PDB file of N, CA and C in Angstrom:
ATOM      1  N   MET A   1      16.516  -8.516  10.945  1.00  0.00           N
ATOM      2  CA  MET A   1      16.438  -7.066  10.545  1.00  0.00           C
ATOM      3  C   MET A   1      16.130  -7.302   8.853  1.00  0.00           C
ATOM      4  N   ALA A   2      16.484  -8.702   8.238  1.00  0.00           N
ATOM      5  CA  ALA A   2      16.957  -8.599   6.524  1.00  0.00           C
ATOM      6  C   ALA A   2      15.302  -8.747   6.007  1.00  0.00           C
ATOM      7  N   ASN A   3      14.539  -8.877   6.881  1.00  0.00           N
ATOM      8  CA  ASN A   3      12.732  -8.779   6.251  1.00  0.00           C
ATOM      9  C   ASN A   3      12.416  -7.166   6.068  1.00  0.00           C
ATOM     10  N   LEU A   4      12.871  -6.448   6.675  1.00  0.00           N
ATOM     11  CA  LEU A   4      12.430  -5.049   6.537  1.00  0.00           C
ATOM     12  C   LEU A   4      12.549  -4.360   5.146  1.00  0.00           C
ATOM     13  N   LEU A   5      11.767  -3.602   5.075  1.00  0.00           N
ATOM     14  CA  LEU A   5      11.828  -2.851   3.528  1.00  0.00           C
ATOM     15  C   LEU A   5      12.617  -2.133   3.757  1.00  0.00           C
ATOM     16  N   GLU A   6      13.542  -1.636   2.444  1.00  0.00           N
ATOM     17  CA  GLU A   6      14.601  -0.991   3.026  1.00  0.00           C
ATOM     18  C   GLU A   6      13.886   0.576   2.405  1.00  0.00           C
ATOM     19  N   LYS A   7      14.974   1.476   3.241  1.00  0.00           N
ATOM     20  CA  LYS A   7      14.316   2.925   2.687  1.00  0.00           C
ATOM     21  C   LYS A   7      14.049   3.570   1.246  1.00  0.00           C
ATOM     22  N   LYS A   8      14.545   2.991   0.325  1.00  0.00           N
ATOM     23  CA  LYS A   8      14.331   3.065  -1.368  1.00  0.00           C
ATOM     24  C   LYS A   8      13.091   2.694  -1.424  1.00  0.00           C
ATOM     25  N   ASN A   9      12.693   1.455  -0.658  1.00  0.00           N
ATOM     26  CA  ASN A   9      10.930   1.286  -1.226  1.00  0.00           C
ATOM     27  C   ASN A   9      10.243   1.706  -0.606  1.00  0.00           C
ATOM     28  N   LEU A  10      10.576   2.851   0.389  1.00  0.00           N
ATOM     29  CA  LEU A  10       9.303   3.698   0.905  1.00  0.00           C
ATOM     30  C   LEU A  10       9.244   4.912   0.665  1.00  0.00           C
ATOM     31  N   VAL A  11       7.440   4.946   0.198  1.00  0.00           N
ATOM     32  CA  VAL A  11       7.459   6.626   0.198  1.00  0.00           C
ATOM     33  C   VAL A  11       7.296   7.143   1.473  1.00  0.00           C
ATOM     34  N   LYS A  12       8.188   8.415   1.459  1.00  0.00           N
ATOM     35  CA  LYS A  12       7.931   8.752   3.330  1.00  0.00           C
ATOM     36  C   LYS A  12       7.761  10.394   2.797  1.00  0.00           C
ATOM     37  N   LYS A  13       7.940  11.047   1.970  1.00  0.00           N
ATOM     38  CA  LYS A  13       7.751  12.996   2.003  1.00  0.00           C
ATOM     39  C   LYS A  13       6.210  12.957   1.653  1.00  0.00           C
ATOM     40  N   LYS A  14       5.645  13.908   2.743  1.00  0.00           N
ATOM     41  CA  LYS A  14       4.354  14.548   1.843  1.00  0.00           C
ATOM     42  C   LYS A  14       4.329  14.725   0.707  1.00  0.00           C
ATOM     43  N   GLN A  15       5.685  15.634  -0.235  1.00  0.00           N
ATOM     44  CA  GLN A  15       5.416  15.875  -1.835  1.00  0.00           C
ATOM     45  C   GLN A  15       5.445  14.737  -2.444  1.00  0.00           C
ATOM     46  N   GLU A  16       5.777  13.721  -1.674  1.00  0.00           N
ATOM     47  CA  GLU A  16       5.578  12.415  -3.058  1.00  0.00           C
ATOM     48  C   GLU A  16       4.373  12.207  -2.928  1.00  0.00           C
ATOM     49  N   TYR A  17       3.676  11.873  -1.455  1.00  0.00           N
ATOM     50  CA  TYR A  17       2.258  11.578  -1.527  1.00  0.00           C
ATOM     51  C   TYR A  17       1.475  12.591  -2.246  1.00  0.00           C
ATOM     52  N   ASN A  18       1.435  13.674  -2.137  1.00  0.00           N
ATOM     53  CA  ASN A  18       0.545  14.753  -2.652  1.00  0.00           C
ATOM     54  C   ASN A  18       1.010  13.873  -4.211  1.00  0.00           C
ATOM     55  N   ARG A  19       2.289  13.912  -4.746  1.00  0.00           N
ATOM     56  CA  ARG A  19       2.055  13.720  -6.185  1.00  0.00           C
ATOM     57  C   ARG A  19       1.715  12.902  -6.459  1.00  0.00           C
ATOM     58  N   VAL A  20       1.533  11.447  -5.880  1.00  0.00           N
ATOM     59  CA  VAL A  20       0.809  10.449  -6.037  1.00  0.00           C
ATOM     60  C   VAL A  20      -0.574  10.510  -6.367  1.00  0.00           C
ATOM     61  N   PHE A  21      -0.993  11.381  -5.265  1.00  0.00           N
ATOM     62  CA  PHE A  21      -2.633  11.878  -5.336  1.00  0.00           C
ATOM     63  C   PHE A  21      -3.280  12.509  -6.485  1.00  0.00           C
ATOM     64  N   LYS A  22      -2.578  13.035  -7.084  1.00  0.00           N
ATOM     65  CA  LYS A  22      -2.775  14.317  -7.893  1.00  0.00           C
ATOM     66  C   LYS A  22      -2.518  13.511  -9.765  1.00  0.00           C
ATOM     67  N   ALA A  23      -1.183  12.705  -9.872  1.00  0.00           N
ATOM     68  CA  ALA A  23      -1.151  12.489 -10.628  1.00  0.00           C
ATOM     69  C   ALA A  23      -1.194  10.780 -11.304  1.00  0.00           C
ATOM     70  N   GLY A  24      -1.512  10.315  -9.913  1.00  0.00           N
ATOM     71  CA  GLY A  24      -1.773   8.744  -9.951  1.00  0.00           C
ATOM     72  C   GLY A  24      -2.886   8.246 -10.533  1.00  0.00           C
ATOM     73  N   ILE A  25      -2.939   6.902 -10.995  1.00  0.00           N
ATOM     74  CA  ILE A  25      -4.089   6.022 -11.451  1.00  0.00           C
ATOM     75  C   ILE A  25      -4.641   5.656  -9.879  1.00  0.00           C
ATOM     76  N   LYS A  26      -6.397   5.442  -9.644  1.00  0.00           N
ATOM     77  CA  LYS A  26      -6.605   5.324  -8.821  1.00  0.00           C
ATOM     78  C   LYS A  26      -7.199   3.473  -8.765  1.00  0.00           C
ATOM     79  N   TYR A  27      -6.823   2.897  -8.151  1.00  0.00           N
ATOM     80  CA  TYR A  27      -7.675   1.680  -8.389  1.00  0.00           C
ATOM     81  C   TYR A  27      -8.175   1.078  -6.851  1.00  0.00           C
ATOM     82  N   LYS A  28      -9.759   0.692  -7.247  1.00  0.00           N
ATOM     83  CA  LYS A  28     -10.218   0.588  -6.029  1.00  0.00           C
ATOM     84  C   LYS A  28     -11.036  -0.782  -5.558  1.00  0.00           C
ATOM     85  N   CYS A  29     -10.531  -1.693  -4.331  1.00  0.00           N
ATOM     86  CA  CYS A  29     -10.716  -2.507  -3.802  1.00  0.00           C
ATOM     87  C   CYS A  29     -11.489  -2.743  -2.861  1.00  0.00           C
ATOM     88  N   LYS A  30     -12.172  -3.769  -2.358  1.00  0.00           N
ATOM     89  CA  LYS A  30     -13.017  -4.138  -1.056  1.00  0.00           C
ATOM     90  C   LYS A  30     -12.557  -2.906   0.038  1.00  0.00           C
ATOM     91  N   TYR A  31     -11.209  -3.529   0.475  1.00  0.00           N
ATOM     92  CA  TYR A  31     -10.946  -2.475   1.686  1.00  0.00           C
ATOM     93  C   TYR A  31     -10.443  -1.211   1.579  1.00  0.00           C
ATOM     94  N   PHE A  32      -9.356  -1.209   0.617  1.00  0.00           N
ATOM     95  CA  PHE A  32      -8.497   0.085   0.323  1.00  0.00           C
ATOM     96  C   PHE A  32      -8.392   0.369  -0.723  1.00  0.00           C
ATOM     97  N   VAL A  33      -8.123   1.583  -1.233  1.00  0.00           N
ATOM     98  CA  VAL A  33      -7.695   1.965  -2.611  1.00  0.00           C
ATOM     99  C   VAL A  33      -6.115   2.498  -2.988  1.00  0.00           C
ATOM    100  N   ILE A  34      -5.982   1.894  -4.238  1.00  0.00           N
ATOM    101  CA  ILE A  34      -4.838   2.286  -4.345  1.00  0.00           C
ATOM    102  C   ILE A  34      -4.217   2.835  -5.553  1.00  0.00           C
ATOM    103  N   PHE A  35      -3.416   3.855  -5.040  1.00  0.00           N
ATOM    104  CA  PHE A  35      -2.758   4.925  -6.467  1.00  0.00           C
ATOM    105  C   PHE A  35      -1.435   4.396  -6.621  1.00  0.00           C
ATOM    106  N   LYS A  36      -1.560   4.653  -7.825  1.00  0.00           N
ATOM    107  CA  LYS A  36      -0.521   4.081  -8.379  1.00  0.00           C
ATOM    108  C   LYS A  36       0.153   5.241  -9.831  1.00  0.00           C
ATOM    109  N   CYS A  37       1.763   5.692  -9.344  1.00  0.00           N
ATOM    110  CA  CYS A  37       1.869   6.732 -10.155  1.00  0.00           C
ATOM    111  C   CYS A  37       3.799   6.287 -10.979  1.00  0.00           C
ATOM    112  N   LEU A  38       3.596   6.950 -11.854  1.00  0.00           N
ATOM    113  CA  LEU A  38       5.188   6.772 -12.340  1.00  0.00           C
ATOM    114  C   LEU A  38       5.895   7.354 -11.813  1.00  0.00           C
ATOM    115  N   ASN A  39       7.562   6.903 -11.080  1.00  0.00           N
ATOM    116  CA  ASN A  39       8.589   7.673 -10.354  1.00  0.00           C
ATOM    117  C   ASN A  39       9.574   6.795 -11.190  1.00  0.00           C
ATOM    118  N   ILE A  40      10.252   8.118 -11.942  1.00  0.00           N
ATOM    119  CA  ILE A  40      11.381   7.131 -13.109  1.00  0.00           C
ATOM    120  C   ILE A  40      12.578   6.924 -12.151  1.00  0.00           C
ATOM    121  N   ASP A  41      13.264   6.280 -12.887  1.00  0.00           N
ATOM    122  CA  ASP A  41      14.633   5.746 -12.294  1.00  0.00           C
ATOM    123  C   ASP A  41      14.707   5.349 -10.238  1.00  0.00           C
ATOM    124  N   SER A  42      13.564   4.671  -9.700  1.00  0.00           N
ATOM    125  CA  SER A  42      13.596   4.037  -8.461  1.00  0.00           C
ATOM    126  C   SER A  42      12.627   2.434  -8.508  1.00  0.00           C
ATOM    127  N   PRO A  43      12.925   1.731  -7.946  1.00  0.00           N
ATOM    128  CA  PRO A  43      12.416   0.540  -7.517  1.00  0.00           C
ATOM    129  C   PRO A  43      10.753   0.915  -7.027  1.00  0.00           C
ATOM    130  N   ALA A  44      10.255  -0.192  -7.160  1.00  0.00           N
ATOM    131  CA  ALA A  44       9.003  -0.179  -6.770  1.00  0.00           C
ATOM    132  C   ALA A  44       8.798   0.161  -4.826  1.00  0.00           C
ATOM    133  N   ARG A  45       8.412   1.394  -5.050  1.00  0.00           N
ATOM    134  CA  ARG A  45       8.036   1.798  -3.801  1.00  0.00           C
ATOM    135  C   ARG A  45       6.573   1.663  -3.008  1.00  0.00           C
ATOM    136  N   LEU A  46       6.282   2.046  -1.868  1.00  0.00           N
ATOM    137  CA  LEU A  46       4.997   1.548  -0.811  1.00  0.00           C
ATOM    138  C   LEU A  46       4.625   3.180  -0.251  1.00  0.00           C
ATOM    139  N   GLY A  47       4.001   2.940  -0.240  1.00  0.00           N
ATOM    140  CA  GLY A  47       3.252   4.109   0.444  1.00  0.00           C
ATOM    141  C   GLY A  47       1.980   3.923   1.165  1.00  0.00           C
ATOM    142  N   LEU A  48       2.064   4.177   3.068  1.00  0.00           N
ATOM    143  CA  LEU A  48       0.293   3.746   3.257  1.00  0.00           C
ATOM    144  C   LEU A  48      -0.160   4.972   4.162  1.00  0.00           C
ATOM    145  N   VAL A  49      -1.622   4.955   3.617  1.00  0.00           N
ATOM    146  CA  VAL A  49      -2.120   6.427   4.561  1.00  0.00           C
ATOM    147  C   VAL A  49      -3.454   5.292   5.042  1.00  0.00           C
ATOM    148  N   VAL A  50      -3.336   5.372   6.701  1.00  0.00           N
ATOM    149  CA  VAL A  50      -4.542   4.958   7.581  1.00  0.00           C
ATOM    150  C   VAL A  50      -5.259   5.779   8.770  1.00  0.00           C
ATOM    151  N   SER A  51      -6.219   6.321   8.396  1.00  0.00           N
ATOM    152  CA  SER A  51      -6.932   7.229   8.963  1.00  0.00           C
ATOM    153  C   SER A  51      -6.960   6.807  10.728  1.00  0.00           C
ATOM    154  N   ARG A  52      -7.316   7.937  11.213  1.00  0.00           N
ATOM    155  CA  ARG A  52      -7.998   7.268  12.299  1.00  0.00           C
ATOM    156  C   ARG A  52      -9.489   7.066  13.052  1.00  0.00           C
ATOM    157  N   LYS A  53     -10.039   7.788  11.568  1.00  0.00           N
ATOM    158  CA  LYS A  53     -11.589   6.878  11.429  1.00  0.00           C
ATOM    159  C   LYS A  53     -11.499   5.161  11.248  1.00  0.00           C
ATOM    160  N   ASN A  54     -10.296   4.908  10.918  1.00  0.00           N
ATOM    161  CA  ASN A  54     -10.687   3.395  10.685  1.00  0.00           C
ATOM    162  C   ASN A  54      -9.874   2.311  11.983  1.00  0.00           C
ATOM    163  N   GLY A  55     -10.023   3.034  13.195  1.00  0.00           N
ATOM    164  CA  GLY A  55      -9.997   2.485  13.938  1.00  0.00           C
ATOM    165  C   GLY A  55      -8.894   2.455  14.753  1.00  0.00           C
ATOM    166  N   ARG A  56      -8.782   1.769  15.594  1.00  0.00           N
ATOM    167  CA  ARG A  56      -7.457   2.106  16.859  1.00  0.00           C
ATOM    168  C   ARG A  56      -6.311   1.878  16.511  1.00  0.00           C
ATOM    169  N   ALA A  57      -5.374   2.607  17.237  1.00  0.00           N
ATOM    170  CA  ALA A  57      -3.864   2.221  16.992  1.00  0.00           C
ATOM    171  C   ALA A  57      -3.565   0.980  16.499  1.00  0.00           C
ATOM    172  N   PHE A  58      -4.170  -0.214  17.024  1.00  0.00           N
ATOM    173  CA  PHE A  58      -3.427  -1.538  17.103  1.00  0.00           C
ATOM    174  C   PHE A  58      -3.771  -2.178  15.891  1.00  0.00           C
ATOM    175  N   LEU A  59      -5.198  -1.350  15.404  1.00  0.00           N
ATOM    176  CA  LEU A  59      -5.952  -1.988  14.698  1.00  0.00           C
ATOM    177  C   LEU A  59      -5.167  -1.651  12.711  1.00  0.00           C
ATOM    178  N   ARG A  60      -4.805  -0.098  13.118  1.00  0.00           N
ATOM    179  CA  ARG A  60      -3.955   0.578  11.974  1.00  0.00           C
ATOM    180  C   ARG A  60      -2.665  -0.032  11.753  1.00  0.00           C
ATOM    181  N   ASN A  61      -2.369  -0.339  12.814  1.00  0.00           N
ATOM    182  CA  ASN A  61      -0.889  -0.814  12.519  1.00  0.00           C
ATOM    183  C   ASN A  61      -0.847  -2.247  12.256  1.00  0.00           C
ATOM    184  N   ARG A  62      -1.822  -3.206  12.068  1.00  0.00           N
ATOM    185  CA  ARG A  62      -2.102  -4.166  11.595  1.00  0.00           C
ATOM    186  C   ARG A  62      -2.157  -3.982  10.516  1.00  0.00           C
ATOM    187  N   PHE A  63      -2.994  -3.442   9.861  1.00  0.00           N
ATOM    188  CA  PHE A  63      -3.075  -3.012   8.225  1.00  0.00           C
ATOM    189  C   PHE A  63      -2.313  -2.852   7.834  1.00  0.00           C
ATOM    190  N   LYS A  64      -1.269  -2.135   8.258  1.00  0.00           N
ATOM    191  CA  LYS A  64      -0.044  -1.710   7.766  1.00  0.00           C
ATOM    192  C   LYS A  64       1.236  -2.467   7.683  1.00  0.00           C
ATOM    193  N   ARG A  65       1.116  -3.316   8.883  1.00  0.00           N
ATOM    194  CA  ARG A  65       2.363  -4.834   8.633  1.00  0.00           C
ATOM    195  C   ARG A  65       1.281  -5.559   7.512  1.00  0.00           C
ATOM    196  N   VAL A  66       0.571  -6.001   7.885  1.00  0.00           N
ATOM    197  CA  VAL A  66      -0.206  -7.179   6.435  1.00  0.00           C
ATOM    198  C   VAL A  66      -0.041  -6.535   5.158  1.00  0.00           C
ATOM    199  N   VAL A  67       0.147  -5.529   5.206  1.00  0.00           N
ATOM    200  CA  VAL A  67       0.113  -4.570   3.375  1.00  0.00           C
ATOM    201  C   VAL A  67       1.905  -4.597   3.444  1.00  0.00           C
ATOM    202  N   ARG A  68       2.297  -4.089   4.494  1.00  0.00           N
ATOM    203  CA  ARG A  68       3.821  -4.613   4.160  1.00  0.00           C
ATOM    204  C   ARG A  68       4.475  -5.573   4.016  1.00  0.00           C
ATOM    205  N   ALA A  69       4.117  -6.488   4.613  1.00  0.00           N
ATOM    206  CA  ALA A  69       4.393  -8.168   4.194  1.00  0.00           C
ATOM    207  C   ALA A  69       4.182  -8.983   2.903  1.00  0.00           C
ATOM    208  N   PHE A  70       2.970  -8.233   2.739  1.00  0.00           N
ATOM    209  CA  PHE A  70       2.618  -8.862   1.496  1.00  0.00           C
ATOM    210  C   PHE A  70       3.358  -7.683  -0.097  1.00  0.00           C
ATOM    211  N   PHE A  71       3.822  -6.894   0.361  1.00  0.00           N
ATOM    212  CA  PHE A  71       4.810  -5.877  -0.687  1.00  0.00           C
ATOM    213  C   PHE A  71       5.759  -6.839  -0.589  1.00  0.00           C
ATOM    214  N   ARG A  72       6.474  -6.665   0.428  1.00  0.00           N
ATOM    215  CA  ARG A  72       8.008  -7.636   0.377  1.00  0.00           C
ATOM    216  C   ARG A  72       8.031  -8.767   0.003  1.00  0.00           C
ATOM    217  N   MET A  73       6.618  -9.847   0.336  1.00  0.00           N
ATOM    218  CA  MET A  73       6.965 -10.899  -0.344  1.00  0.00           C
ATOM    219  C   MET A  73       6.602 -10.741  -1.760  1.00  0.00           C
ATOM    220  N   ASN A  74       6.129  -9.901  -2.341  1.00  0.00           N
ATOM    221  CA  ASN A  74       5.680  -9.980  -4.159  1.00  0.00           C
ATOM    222  C   ASN A  74       6.345  -8.454  -4.189  1.00  0.00           C
ATOM    223  N   ILE A  75       7.457  -8.170  -4.031  1.00  0.00           N
ATOM    224  CA  ILE A  75       8.155  -7.147  -4.574  1.00  0.00           C
ATOM    225  C   ILE A  75       8.489  -7.480  -6.674  1.00  0.00           C
ATOM    226  N   GLU A  76       8.559  -8.628  -6.295  1.00  0.00           N
ATOM    227  CA  GLU A  76       9.232  -8.746  -8.123  1.00  0.00           C
ATOM    228  C   GLU A  76       8.015  -8.317  -8.680  1.00  0.00           C
ATOM    229  N   LYS A  77       6.449  -9.007  -8.293  1.00  0.00           N
ATOM    230  CA  LYS A  77       5.291  -8.675  -9.162  1.00  0.00           C
ATOM    231  C   LYS A  77       5.243  -7.382  -9.180  1.00  0.00           C
ATOM    232  N   TYR A  78       5.547  -6.361  -8.369  1.00  0.00           N
ATOM    233  CA  TYR A  78       5.384  -5.079  -8.774  1.00  0.00           C
ATOM    234  C   TYR A  78       5.992  -4.018  -9.609  1.00  0.00           C
ATOM    235  N   SER A  79       5.982  -3.269 -10.751  1.00  0.00           N
ATOM    236  CA  SER A  79       6.474  -3.264 -11.779  1.00  0.00           C
ATOM    237  C   SER A  79       7.667  -1.533 -10.749  1.00  0.00           C
ATOM    238  N   PRO A  80       8.720  -1.750 -11.433  1.00  0.00           N
ATOM    239  CA  PRO A  80       9.344  -0.785 -11.292  1.00  0.00           C
ATOM    240  C   PRO A  80       9.208   0.508 -11.651  1.00  0.00           C
ATOM    241  N   ASN A  81       9.681   1.601 -11.075  1.00  0.00           N
ATOM    242  CA  ASN A  81       9.785   3.200 -11.378  1.00  0.00           C
ATOM    243  C   ASN A  81       8.098   2.955 -11.241  1.00  0.00           C
ATOM    244  N   TYR A  82       7.404   2.828 -10.286  1.00  0.00           N
ATOM    245  CA  TYR A  82       6.528   3.204  -9.726  1.00  0.00           C
ATOM    246  C   TYR A  82       6.122   2.897  -8.501  1.00  0.00           C
ATOM    247  N   ASP A  83       5.020   4.273  -7.936  1.00  0.00           N
ATOM    248  CA  ASP A  83       4.963   4.495  -6.428  1.00  0.00           C
ATOM    249  C   ASP A  83       3.504   3.573  -6.500  1.00  0.00           C
ATOM    250  N   TYR A  84       3.457   3.101  -5.278  1.00  0.00           N
ATOM    251  CA  TYR A  84       2.179   2.675  -5.069  1.00  0.00           C
ATOM    252  C   TYR A  84       1.807   3.001  -4.006  1.00  0.00           C
ATOM    253  N   VAL A  85       0.409   3.552  -3.321  1.00  0.00           N
ATOM    254  CA  VAL A  85      -0.093   4.050  -1.723  1.00  0.00           C
ATOM    255  C   VAL A  85      -1.541   3.582  -1.874  1.00  0.00           C
ATOM    256  N   TYR A  86      -1.070   2.228  -0.868  1.00  0.00           N
ATOM    257  CA  TYR A  86      -2.714   2.279  -0.205  1.00  0.00           C
ATOM    258  C   TYR A  86      -3.206   3.061   0.975  1.00  0.00           C
ATOM    259  N   VAL A  87      -4.324   3.168   0.442  1.00  0.00           N
ATOM    260  CA  VAL A  87      -5.389   3.904   1.577  1.00  0.00           C
ATOM    261  C   VAL A  87      -6.431   3.446   1.852  1.00  0.00           C
ATOM    262  N   ALA A  88      -6.551   2.734   3.400  1.00  0.00           N
ATOM    263  CA  ALA A  88      -7.725   2.111   4.120  1.00  0.00           C
ATOM    264  C   ALA A  88      -9.141   2.973   4.125  1.00  0.00           C
ATOM    265  N   LYS A  89      -9.859   2.628   3.299  1.00  0.00           N
ATOM    266  CA  LYS A  89     -11.203   2.918   3.494  1.00  0.00           C
ATOM    267  C   LYS A  89     -12.096   2.393   4.586  1.00  0.00           C
ATOM    268  N   CYS A  90     -12.135   1.493   4.980  1.00  0.00           N
ATOM    269  CA  CYS A  90     -12.886   0.990   5.751  1.00  0.00           C
ATOM    270  C   CYS A  90     -12.871   0.557   7.248  1.00  0.00           C
ATOM    271  N   ASP A  91     -13.615   0.275   8.158  1.00  0.00           N
ATOM    272  CA  ASP A  91     -13.832   0.363   9.568  1.00  0.00           C
ATOM    273  C   ASP A  91     -12.963  -0.946   9.654  1.00  0.00           C
ATOM    274  N   LEU A  92     -11.726  -0.897  10.290  1.00  0.00           N
ATOM    275  CA  LEU A  92     -10.915  -2.324  10.480  1.00  0.00           C
ATOM    276  C   LEU A  92     -11.100  -3.267  11.362  1.00  0.00           C
ATOM    277  N   ARG A  93     -12.476  -2.838  12.285  1.00  0.00           N
ATOM    278  CA  ARG A  93     -12.506  -4.115  13.654  1.00  0.00           C
ATOM    279  C   ARG A  93     -12.839  -4.705  12.947  1.00  0.00           C
ATOM    280  N   ASP A  94     -14.108  -5.094  12.208  1.00  0.00           N
ATOM    281  CA  ASP A  94     -14.403  -6.648  11.789  1.00  0.00           C
ATOM    282  C   ASP A  94     -13.709  -7.406  10.609  1.00  0.00           C
ATOM    283  N   ILE A  95     -12.722  -6.606  10.381  1.00  0.00           N
ATOM    284  CA  ILE A  95     -12.258  -7.583   9.595  1.00  0.00           C
ATOM    285  C   ILE A  95     -10.988  -8.410   9.672  1.00  0.00           C
ATOM    286  N   ASP A  96     -10.832  -9.540   9.453  1.00  0.00           N
ATOM    287  CA  ASP A  96      -9.999 -10.312   9.652  1.00  0.00           C
ATOM    288  C   ASP A  96      -8.365 -10.228   8.364  1.00  0.00           C
ATOM    289  N   SER A  97      -7.526 -10.911   8.766  1.00  0.00           N
ATOM    290  CA  SER A  97      -6.345 -10.542   8.377  1.00  0.00           C
ATOM    291  C   SER A  97      -5.707 -11.136   6.990  1.00  0.00           C
ATOM    292  N   ARG A  98      -6.844 -12.295   6.953  1.00  0.00           N
ATOM    293  CA  ARG A  98      -6.984 -12.642   5.999  1.00  0.00           C
ATOM    294  C   ARG A  98      -7.391 -12.332   4.740  1.00  0.00           C
ATOM    295  N   PHE A  99      -8.832 -11.713   5.076  1.00  0.00           N
ATOM    296  CA  PHE A  99      -9.555 -11.254   4.233  1.00  0.00           C
ATOM    297  C   PHE A  99      -8.485 -10.031   3.162  1.00  0.00           C
ATOM    298  N   PHE A 100      -7.561  -9.185   4.381  1.00  0.00           N
ATOM    299  CA  PHE A 100      -6.950  -8.436   3.620  1.00  0.00           C
ATOM    300  C   PHE A 100      -5.797  -9.225   2.591  1.00  0.00           C
ATOM    301  N   TRP A 101      -5.345 -10.141   3.130  1.00  0.00           N
ATOM    302  CA  TRP A 101      -4.407 -10.942   2.014  1.00  0.00           C
ATOM    303  C   TRP A 101      -5.125 -11.109   0.713  1.00  0.00           C
ATOM    304  N   ILE A 102      -6.420 -11.590   0.819  1.00  0.00           N
ATOM    305  CA  ILE A 102      -6.761 -12.027  -0.435  1.00  0.00           C
ATOM    306  C   ILE A 102      -6.924 -10.455  -1.532  1.00  0.00           C
ATOM    307  N   ASP A 103      -7.618  -9.893  -0.871  1.00  0.00           N
ATOM    308  CA  ASP A 103      -8.006  -8.421  -1.273  1.00  0.00           C
ATOM    309  C   ASP A 103      -6.503  -8.176  -2.061  1.00  0.00           C
ATOM    310  N   LEU A 104      -5.698  -8.129  -1.423  1.00  0.00           N
ATOM    311  CA  LEU A 104      -4.170  -7.765  -1.899  1.00  0.00           C
ATOM    312  C   LEU A 104      -3.645  -8.783  -3.000  1.00  0.00           C
ATOM    313  N   GLU A 105      -3.979  -9.713  -3.111  1.00  0.00           N
ATOM    314  CA  GLU A 105      -3.670 -10.470  -3.948  1.00  0.00           C
ATOM    315  C   GLU A 105      -4.599 -10.444  -5.031  1.00  0.00           C
ATOM    316  N   ASN A 106      -5.443 -10.109  -5.127  1.00  0.00           N
ATOM    317  CA  ASN A 106      -6.736 -10.251  -6.068  1.00  0.00           C
ATOM    318  C   ASN A 106      -6.646  -8.586  -6.757  1.00  0.00           C
ATOM    319  N   SER A 107      -5.977  -7.650  -5.579  1.00  0.00           N
ATOM    320  CA  SER A 107      -5.815  -6.223  -6.760  1.00  0.00           C
ATOM    321  C   SER A 107      -4.468  -6.386  -7.194  1.00  0.00           C
ATOM    322  N   LEU A 108      -3.492  -7.090  -7.153  1.00  0.00           N
ATOM    323  CA  LEU A 108      -1.961  -7.119  -7.500  1.00  0.00           C
ATOM    324  C   LEU A 108      -2.242  -7.418  -8.697  1.00  0.00           C
ATOM    325  N   LYS A 109      -2.890  -8.241  -9.072  1.00  0.00           N
ATOM    326  CA  LYS A 109      -3.749  -8.560 -10.819  1.00  0.00           C
ATOM    327  C   LYS A 109      -3.900  -7.438 -11.554  1.00  0.00           C
ATOM    328  N   HIS A 110      -4.782  -6.390 -10.657  1.00  0.00           N
ATOM    329  CA  HIS A 110      -5.113  -5.349 -11.689  1.00  0.00           C
ATOM    330  C   HIS A 110      -4.443  -4.327 -11.707  1.00  0.00           C
ATOM    331  N   ILE A 111      -3.278  -4.256 -10.592  1.00  0.00           N
ATOM    332  CA  ILE A 111      -2.399  -3.078 -11.061  1.00  0.00           C
ATOM    333  C   ILE A 111      -1.634  -3.318 -11.951  1.00  0.00           C
ATOM    334  N   LYS A 112      -0.935  -4.277 -12.155  1.00  0.00           N
ATOM    335  CA  LYS A 112      -0.091  -4.400 -13.334  1.00  0.00           C
ATOM    336  C   LYS A 112       0.430  -3.443 -14.277  1.00  0.00           C
TER     337      LYS A 112
END
């Protein structure tokens, strides 16, 4: 259980997501869109949005697992006091996890 993200590192409430979508900065990547928004006095937090249009449940869950793992392993590279929301924008059926990981690494350079 030590490898799980703590609750303080997750965006959970609808109001928090709405604030990030309205006031955040948008970064487009190949497989997802990242919204970054300032959140005073908190560590870097992660939010995930995956629609049913992106694929079946096991594919959506795989996307979330890959993004959470990447965030957990690179949390020190994310700026504190910011919320990051990842929104899947493509059909997840034909994409391998390695390509997600490469796109995540490339996106980390742009969102700093």
